[in-house]
Amino acid sequence: MKASVIIQNLKCGGCAKTIISKLSEMNALSDIDVDIETATVHFTCENMDDAILVKDKLKSIGYPSIEYKNSVAARARSFVSCANGKMSK
C-alpha cells in the first residue's frame, strides 16, 4: 500500500537523505521519497502497522509527524540528523 506522512523539522536535502537512509533500513518499505517543499515522506509498505512504525522511526530521528508535539529534543535530533545527512556520502 502507498502511504504518506507529513513531518516537522524538514529543512533540506541533508534531512531528506537521512530520512531515506534510516527508512531504507526497514525491510517492509520500498519506493521511499521525501518532498522537501511539502515536508512529506512517501513510501510503499506492506500494511498499516508498517506505516505506524514509520511514524515512530521518523519521530526517533527528529522528524515527528504533524500530529505529534514538536519538542525541543525533536528539533535538536533533526539538526543532528540533518548534519549527518549533509556529511554522508
N, C-alpha and C. Protein backbone atom coordinates (compact mmCIF):
# COMPACT_ATOMS: atom_id res chain seq x y z
N MET A 1 0.83 -1.18 0.00
CA MET A 1 0.00 0.00 0.00
C MET A 1 0.88 1.24 0.00
N LYS A 2 0.42 2.27 -0.68
CA LYS A 2 1.15 3.54 -0.70
C LYS A 2 0.69 4.36 0.49
N ALA A 3 1.66 5.07 1.11
CA ALA A 3 1.34 5.89 2.27
C ALA A 3 2.20 7.15 2.25
N SER A 4 1.73 8.16 2.97
CA SER A 4 2.47 9.43 3.10
C SER A 4 2.35 9.92 4.52
N VAL A 5 3.40 10.59 4.98
CA VAL A 5 3.41 11.18 6.31
C VAL A 5 3.94 12.60 6.18
N ILE A 6 3.17 13.57 6.67
CA ILE A 6 3.64 14.96 6.71
C ILE A 6 4.41 15.12 8.01
N ILE A 7 5.64 15.64 7.89
CA ILE A 7 6.52 15.71 9.06
C ILE A 7 6.92 17.15 9.38
N GLN A 8 7.50 17.30 10.55
CA GLN A 8 8.02 18.58 11.02
C GLN A 8 9.55 18.56 10.96
N ASN A 9 10.15 19.72 10.97
CA ASN A 9 11.61 19.92 11.07
C ASN A 9 12.38 19.60 9.79
N LEU A 10 11.71 19.30 8.70
CA LEU A 10 12.39 19.01 7.43
C LEU A 10 12.86 20.34 6.84
N LYS A 11 14.17 20.44 6.63
CA LYS A 11 14.74 21.70 6.18
C LYS A 11 15.42 21.62 4.82
N CYS A 12 16.03 20.50 4.51
CA CYS A 12 16.89 20.49 3.32
C CYS A 12 17.15 19.07 2.82
N GLY A 13 18.00 18.99 1.81
CA GLY A 13 18.38 17.71 1.24
C GLY A 13 19.13 16.82 2.21
N GLY A 14 19.86 17.42 3.15
CA GLY A 14 20.55 16.62 4.17
C GLY A 14 19.55 15.87 5.04
N CYS A 15 18.48 16.56 5.42
CA CYS A 15 17.41 15.92 6.19
C CYS A 15 16.81 14.78 5.38
N ALA A 16 16.49 15.07 4.11
CA ALA A 16 15.86 14.07 3.25
C ALA A 16 16.76 12.85 3.10
N LYS A 17 18.05 13.07 2.94
CA LYS A 17 18.99 11.97 2.76
C LYS A 17 19.01 11.07 4.00
N THR A 18 19.01 11.68 5.19
CA THR A 18 18.98 10.90 6.43
C THR A 18 17.68 10.12 6.55
N ILE A 19 16.57 10.76 6.24
CA ILE A 19 15.27 10.09 6.34
C ILE A 19 15.23 8.88 5.42
N ILE A 20 15.65 9.05 4.18
CA ILE A 20 15.64 7.94 3.23
C ILE A 20 16.57 6.82 3.71
N SER A 21 17.73 7.19 4.21
CA SER A 21 18.69 6.20 4.70
C SER A 21 18.12 5.39 5.86
N LYS A 22 17.54 6.08 6.82
CA LYS A 22 17.01 5.39 8.01
C LYS A 22 15.78 4.54 7.68
N LEU A 23 14.90 5.07 6.83
CA LEU A 23 13.71 4.29 6.48
C LEU A 23 14.06 3.11 5.59
N SER A 24 15.12 3.21 4.83
CA SER A 24 15.56 2.11 3.97
C SER A 24 16.01 0.90 4.79
N GLU A 25 16.34 1.12 6.05
CA GLU A 25 16.72 0.02 6.94
C GLU A 25 15.52 -0.85 7.30
N MET A 26 14.32 -0.34 7.08
CA MET A 26 13.11 -1.09 7.39
C MET A 26 12.75 -1.96 6.19
N ASN A 27 12.83 -3.26 6.34
CA ASN A 27 12.65 -4.20 5.24
C ASN A 27 11.27 -4.15 4.58
N ALA A 28 10.25 -3.73 5.30
CA ALA A 28 8.89 -3.75 4.77
C ALA A 28 8.58 -2.54 3.89
N LEU A 29 9.54 -1.64 3.69
CA LEU A 29 9.30 -0.43 2.92
C LEU A 29 10.00 -0.45 1.57
N SER A 30 9.42 0.26 0.62
CA SER A 30 10.05 0.46 -0.68
C SER A 30 9.58 1.81 -1.24
N ASP A 31 10.17 2.22 -2.33
CA ASP A 31 9.78 3.45 -3.02
C ASP A 31 9.74 4.66 -2.08
N ILE A 32 10.75 4.81 -1.26
CA ILE A 32 10.80 5.91 -0.28
C ILE A 32 11.22 7.19 -1.00
N ASP A 33 10.44 8.26 -0.77
CA ASP A 33 10.72 9.55 -1.38
C ASP A 33 10.37 10.64 -0.37
N VAL A 34 11.15 11.72 -0.39
CA VAL A 34 10.90 12.85 0.51
C VAL A 34 10.70 14.09 -0.34
N ASP A 35 9.56 14.75 -0.15
CA ASP A 35 9.26 16.01 -0.83
C ASP A 35 9.55 17.14 0.16
N ILE A 36 10.64 17.85 -0.07
CA ILE A 36 11.07 18.89 0.86
C ILE A 36 10.07 20.05 0.89
N GLU A 37 9.52 20.42 -0.25
CA GLU A 37 8.60 21.56 -0.31
C GLU A 37 7.34 21.34 0.52
N THR A 38 6.82 20.12 0.52
CA THR A 38 5.58 19.85 1.26
C THR A 38 5.84 19.15 2.59
N ALA A 39 7.12 18.89 2.90
CA ALA A 39 7.51 18.18 4.13
C ALA A 39 6.79 16.85 4.26
N THR A 40 6.75 16.12 3.15
CA THR A 40 6.02 14.85 3.11
C THR A 40 6.95 13.71 2.73
N VAL A 41 6.82 12.61 3.47
CA VAL A 41 7.55 11.39 3.18
C VAL A 41 6.56 10.42 2.54
N HIS A 42 6.88 9.93 1.35
CA HIS A 42 6.05 8.98 0.63
C HIS A 42 6.77 7.64 0.62
N PHE A 43 6.02 6.55 0.73
CA PHE A 43 6.61 5.22 0.71
C PHE A 43 5.54 4.18 0.42
N THR A 44 6.00 3.00 0.08
CA THR A 44 5.12 1.86 -0.09
C THR A 44 5.44 0.87 1.03
N CYS A 45 4.39 0.37 1.68
CA CYS A 45 4.59 -0.57 2.78
C CYS A 45 3.61 -1.74 2.62
N GLU A 46 3.85 -2.78 3.39
CA GLU A 46 3.04 -3.98 3.28
C GLU A 46 1.68 -3.86 3.97
N ASN A 47 1.63 -3.12 5.10
CA ASN A 47 0.37 -2.97 5.82
C ASN A 47 0.39 -1.73 6.71
N MET A 48 -0.73 -1.45 7.35
CA MET A 48 -0.87 -0.24 8.16
C MET A 48 0.06 -0.25 9.37
N ASP A 49 0.36 -1.42 9.91
CA ASP A 49 1.28 -1.50 11.04
C ASP A 49 2.66 -0.96 10.65
N ASP A 50 3.08 -1.24 9.43
CA ASP A 50 4.37 -0.72 8.96
C ASP A 50 4.34 0.80 8.87
N ALA A 51 3.23 1.36 8.45
CA ALA A 51 3.10 2.82 8.37
C ALA A 51 3.23 3.45 9.76
N ILE A 52 2.69 2.80 10.76
CA ILE A 52 2.81 3.30 12.14
C ILE A 52 4.26 3.22 12.60
N LEU A 53 4.95 2.15 12.24
CA LEU A 53 6.37 2.03 12.58
C LEU A 53 7.20 3.12 11.91
N VAL A 54 6.80 3.53 10.71
CA VAL A 54 7.49 4.62 10.02
C VAL A 54 7.37 5.91 10.83
N LYS A 55 6.17 6.20 11.32
CA LYS A 55 5.98 7.40 12.14
C LYS A 55 6.86 7.35 13.38
N ASP A 56 6.95 6.19 14.01
CA ASP A 56 7.80 6.05 15.20
C ASP A 56 9.27 6.28 14.86
N LYS A 57 9.71 5.72 13.73
CA LYS A 57 11.10 5.87 13.29
C LYS A 57 11.41 7.33 12.99
N LEU A 58 10.51 8.00 12.28
CA LEU A 58 10.70 9.41 11.95
C LEU A 58 10.79 10.25 13.23
N LYS A 59 9.93 9.97 14.16
CA LYS A 59 9.94 10.70 15.44
C LYS A 59 11.27 10.49 16.16
N SER A 60 11.79 9.27 16.12
CA SER A 60 13.03 8.96 16.85
C SER A 60 14.25 9.67 16.27
N ILE A 61 14.19 10.05 14.99
CA ILE A 61 15.33 10.75 14.38
C ILE A 61 15.09 12.25 14.26
N GLY A 62 13.99 12.73 14.87
CA GLY A 62 13.77 14.17 14.95
C GLY A 62 12.79 14.76 13.96
N TYR A 63 12.04 13.90 13.27
CA TYR A 63 11.06 14.38 12.28
C TYR A 63 9.67 13.84 12.60
N PRO A 64 9.07 14.33 13.70
CA PRO A 64 7.75 13.81 14.08
C PRO A 64 6.69 14.19 13.05
N SER A 65 5.69 13.34 12.91
CA SER A 65 4.57 13.67 12.03
C SER A 65 3.81 14.85 12.65
N ILE A 66 2.99 15.48 11.84
CA ILE A 66 2.35 16.73 12.29
C ILE A 66 1.40 16.54 13.46
N GLU A 67 0.95 15.32 13.72
CA GLU A 67 0.04 15.15 14.86
C GLU A 67 0.77 15.03 16.20
N TYR A 68 2.10 14.92 16.17
CA TYR A 68 2.89 14.88 17.40
C TYR A 68 3.36 16.27 17.78
N LYS A 69 3.60 16.46 19.06
CA LYS A 69 4.18 17.71 19.54
C LYS A 69 5.63 17.80 19.05
N ASN A 70 6.02 18.97 18.60
CA ASN A 70 7.38 19.18 18.13
C ASN A 70 8.21 19.72 19.29
N SER A 71 8.83 18.85 20.03
CA SER A 71 9.57 19.23 21.22
C SER A 71 10.94 19.80 20.87
N VAL A 72 11.57 20.42 21.83
CA VAL A 72 12.93 20.93 21.67
C VAL A 72 13.88 19.77 21.37
N ALA A 73 13.66 18.64 22.02
CA ALA A 73 14.50 17.46 21.79
C ALA A 73 14.36 16.97 20.34
N ALA A 74 13.15 16.98 19.81
CA ALA A 74 12.94 16.56 18.42
C ALA A 74 13.65 17.50 17.47
N ARG A 75 13.56 18.80 17.72
CA ARG A 75 14.25 19.77 16.86
C ARG A 75 15.76 19.58 16.93
N ALA A 76 16.28 19.28 18.10
CA ALA A 76 17.73 19.04 18.25
C ALA A 76 18.15 17.77 17.50
N ARG A 77 17.34 16.71 17.62
CA ARG A 77 17.65 15.46 16.90
C ARG A 77 17.61 15.68 15.39
N SER A 78 16.66 16.50 14.92
CA SER A 78 16.59 16.75 13.47
C SER A 78 17.81 17.53 13.00
N PHE A 79 18.31 18.44 13.83
CA PHE A 79 19.50 19.19 13.48
C PHE A 79 20.70 18.25 13.30
N VAL A 80 20.86 17.31 14.22
CA VAL A 80 21.94 16.33 14.13
C VAL A 80 21.74 15.42 12.92
N SER A 81 20.50 14.96 12.70
CA SER A 81 20.21 14.11 11.55
C SER A 81 20.51 14.83 10.25
N CYS A 82 20.15 16.11 10.19
CA CYS A 82 20.40 16.92 9.01
C CYS A 82 21.91 17.01 8.74
N ALA A 83 22.67 17.32 9.78
CA ALA A 83 24.13 17.43 9.63
C ALA A 83 24.73 16.11 9.18
N ASN A 84 24.26 15.01 9.75
CA ASN A 84 24.77 13.69 9.33
C ASN A 84 24.44 13.43 7.86
N GLY A 85 23.25 13.82 7.42
CA GLY A 85 22.86 13.62 6.04
C GLY A 85 23.71 14.44 5.10
N LYS A 86 24.05 15.65 5.50
CA LYS A 86 24.90 16.50 4.66
C LYS A 86 26.32 15.97 4.54
N MET A 87 26.82 15.31 5.60
CA MET A 87 28.20 14.84 5.60
C MET A 87 28.38 13.44 5.05
N SER A 88 27.30 12.67 4.96
CA SER A 88 27.43 11.29 4.47
C SER A 88 27.54 11.27 2.94
N LYS A 89 28.11 10.21 2.45
CA LYS A 89 28.29 10.07 1.00
C LYS A 89 27.04 9.70 0.31
